Amino acid sequence: MHKKNLVLFIKSIVVGMFMLVPGISGGTLAIILNIYEGLLSSLSHLFKNFKSNFLYLLIALLGGVLG
């Protein structure tokens, strides 16, 4: 796993943990941690570079679920 993917995974875990805390928005936390734009970009261009975008979304999803 590349360092960039590991950082994304850890940030996604943090977002997932704070989704359970009342009053804290996961979207706001994603913006603060600088992963929101990457998520939107990967979703909007999913089929242009499927493997790379799907991997990005999968890592973010797994981190969020684990958190």
C-alpha atoms as a PDB file:
ATOM      1  CA  MET A   1       0.000   0.000   0.000  1.00  0.00           C
ATOM      2  CA  HIS A   2       1.369   3.385  -0.957  1.00  0.00           C
ATOM      3  CA  LYS A   3       1.828   6.104   1.636  1.00  0.00           C
ATOM      4  CA  LYS A   4      -0.864   8.229  -0.052  1.00  0.00           C
ATOM      5  CA  ASN A   5      -3.388   5.403   0.206  1.00  0.00           C
ATOM      6  CA  LEU A   6      -2.482   4.763   3.840  1.00  0.00           C
ATOM      7  CA  VAL A   7      -3.022   8.445   4.681  1.00  0.00           C
ATOM      8  CA  LEU A   8      -6.401   8.349   2.905  1.00  0.00           C
ATOM      9  CA  PHE A   9      -7.343   5.219   4.865  1.00  0.00           C
ATOM     10  CA  ILE A  10      -6.442   6.821   8.200  1.00  0.00           C
ATOM     11  CA  LYS A  11      -8.311  10.045   7.361  1.00  0.00           C
ATOM     12  CA  SER A  12     -11.347   7.989   6.355  1.00  0.00           C
ATOM     13  CA  ILE A  13     -11.245   6.171   9.681  1.00  0.00           C
ATOM     14  CA  VAL A  14     -11.296   9.547  11.450  1.00  0.00           C
ATOM     15  CA  VAL A  15     -14.267  10.700   9.370  1.00  0.00           C
ATOM     16  CA  GLY A  16     -16.069   7.415  10.103  1.00  0.00           C
ATOM     17  CA  MET A  17     -15.482   7.766  13.841  1.00  0.00           C
ATOM     18  CA  PHE A  18     -16.771  11.309  13.971  1.00  0.00           C
ATOM     19  CA  MET A  19     -19.887  10.475  11.948  1.00  0.00           C
ATOM     20  CA  LEU A  20     -21.257   8.944  15.158  1.00  0.00           C
ATOM     21  CA  VAL A  21     -20.730  12.126  17.198  1.00  0.00           C
ATOM     22  CA  PRO A  22     -23.816  14.368  17.213  1.00  0.00           C
ATOM     23  CA  GLY A  23     -23.204  17.842  15.859  1.00  0.00           C
ATOM     24  CA  ILE A  24     -20.172  16.977  13.744  1.00  0.00           C
ATOM     25  CA  SER A  25     -20.745  16.586  10.011  1.00  0.00           C
ATOM     26  CA  GLY A  26     -18.742  13.968   8.154  1.00  0.00           C
ATOM     27  CA  GLY A  27     -18.703  16.183   5.077  1.00  0.00           C
ATOM     28  CA  THR A  28     -17.243  19.091   7.013  1.00  0.00           C
ATOM     29  CA  LEU A  29     -14.591  16.849   8.491  1.00  0.00           C
ATOM     30  CA  ALA A  30     -13.790  15.490   5.018  1.00  0.00           C
ATOM     31  CA  ILE A  31     -13.268  19.073   3.824  1.00  0.00           C
ATOM     32  CA  ILE A  32     -11.005  19.815   6.788  1.00  0.00           C
ATOM     33  CA  LEU A  33      -8.951  16.660   6.144  1.00  0.00           C
ATOM     34  CA  ASN A  34      -8.714  17.463   2.399  1.00  0.00           C
ATOM     35  CA  ILE A  35     -10.375  14.290   1.107  1.00  0.00           C
ATOM     36  CA  TYR A  36     -13.718  15.778   0.019  1.00  0.00           C
ATOM     37  CA  GLU A  37     -12.518  16.995  -3.382  1.00  0.00           C
ATOM     38  CA  GLY A  38     -10.857  13.665  -4.094  1.00  0.00           C
ATOM     39  CA  LEU A  39     -14.068  11.825  -3.286  1.00  0.00           C
ATOM     40  CA  LEU A  40     -16.138  14.077  -5.546  1.00  0.00           C
ATOM     41  CA  SER A  41     -13.608  13.850  -8.347  1.00  0.00           C
ATOM     42  CA  SER A  42     -13.414  10.063  -8.119  1.00  0.00           C
ATOM     43  CA  LEU A  43     -17.189   9.762  -8.182  1.00  0.00           C
ATOM     44  CA  SER A  44     -17.664  12.137 -11.087  1.00  0.00           C
ATOM     45  CA  HIS A  45     -14.895  10.564 -13.191  1.00  0.00           C
ATOM     46  CA  LEU A  46     -15.397   6.963 -12.094  1.00  0.00           C
ATOM     47  CA  PHE A  47     -15.600   5.453 -15.567  1.00  0.00           C
ATOM     48  CA  LYS A  48     -12.839   7.571 -17.134  1.00  0.00           C
ATOM     49  CA  ASN A  49     -10.115   5.916 -15.045  1.00  0.00           C
ATOM     50  CA  PHE A  50     -12.084   3.159 -13.386  1.00  0.00           C
ATOM     51  CA  LYS A  51      -9.302   1.247 -11.623  1.00  0.00           C
ATOM     52  CA  SER A  52      -7.702   4.280  -9.969  1.00  0.00           C
ATOM     53  CA  ASN A  53     -10.975   5.982  -9.007  1.00  0.00           C
ATOM     54  CA  PHE A  54     -12.554   2.760  -7.751  1.00  0.00           C
ATOM     55  CA  LEU A  55      -9.495   2.041  -5.604  1.00  0.00           C
ATOM     56  CA  TYR A  56      -9.654   5.543  -4.105  1.00  0.00           C
ATOM     57  CA  LEU A  57     -13.340   5.144  -3.277  1.00  0.00           C
ATOM     58  CA  LEU A  58     -12.847   1.622  -1.937  1.00  0.00           C
ATOM     59  CA  ILE A  59     -10.073   2.736   0.436  1.00  0.00           C
ATOM     60  CA  ALA A  60     -12.212   5.655   1.641  1.00  0.00           C
ATOM     61  CA  LEU A  61     -15.230   3.371   2.100  1.00  0.00           C
ATOM     62  CA  LEU A  62     -13.293   0.731   4.027  1.00  0.00           C
ATOM     63  CA  GLY A  63     -11.777   3.394   6.301  1.00  0.00           C
ATOM     64  CA  GLY A  64     -15.165   4.968   6.934  1.00  0.00           C
ATOM     65  CA  VAL A  65     -16.763   1.631   7.760  1.00  0.00           C
ATOM     66  CA  LEU A  66     -13.905   0.663  10.040  1.00  0.00           C
ATOM     67  CA  GLY A  67     -14.139   4.023  11.823  1.00  0.00           C
END
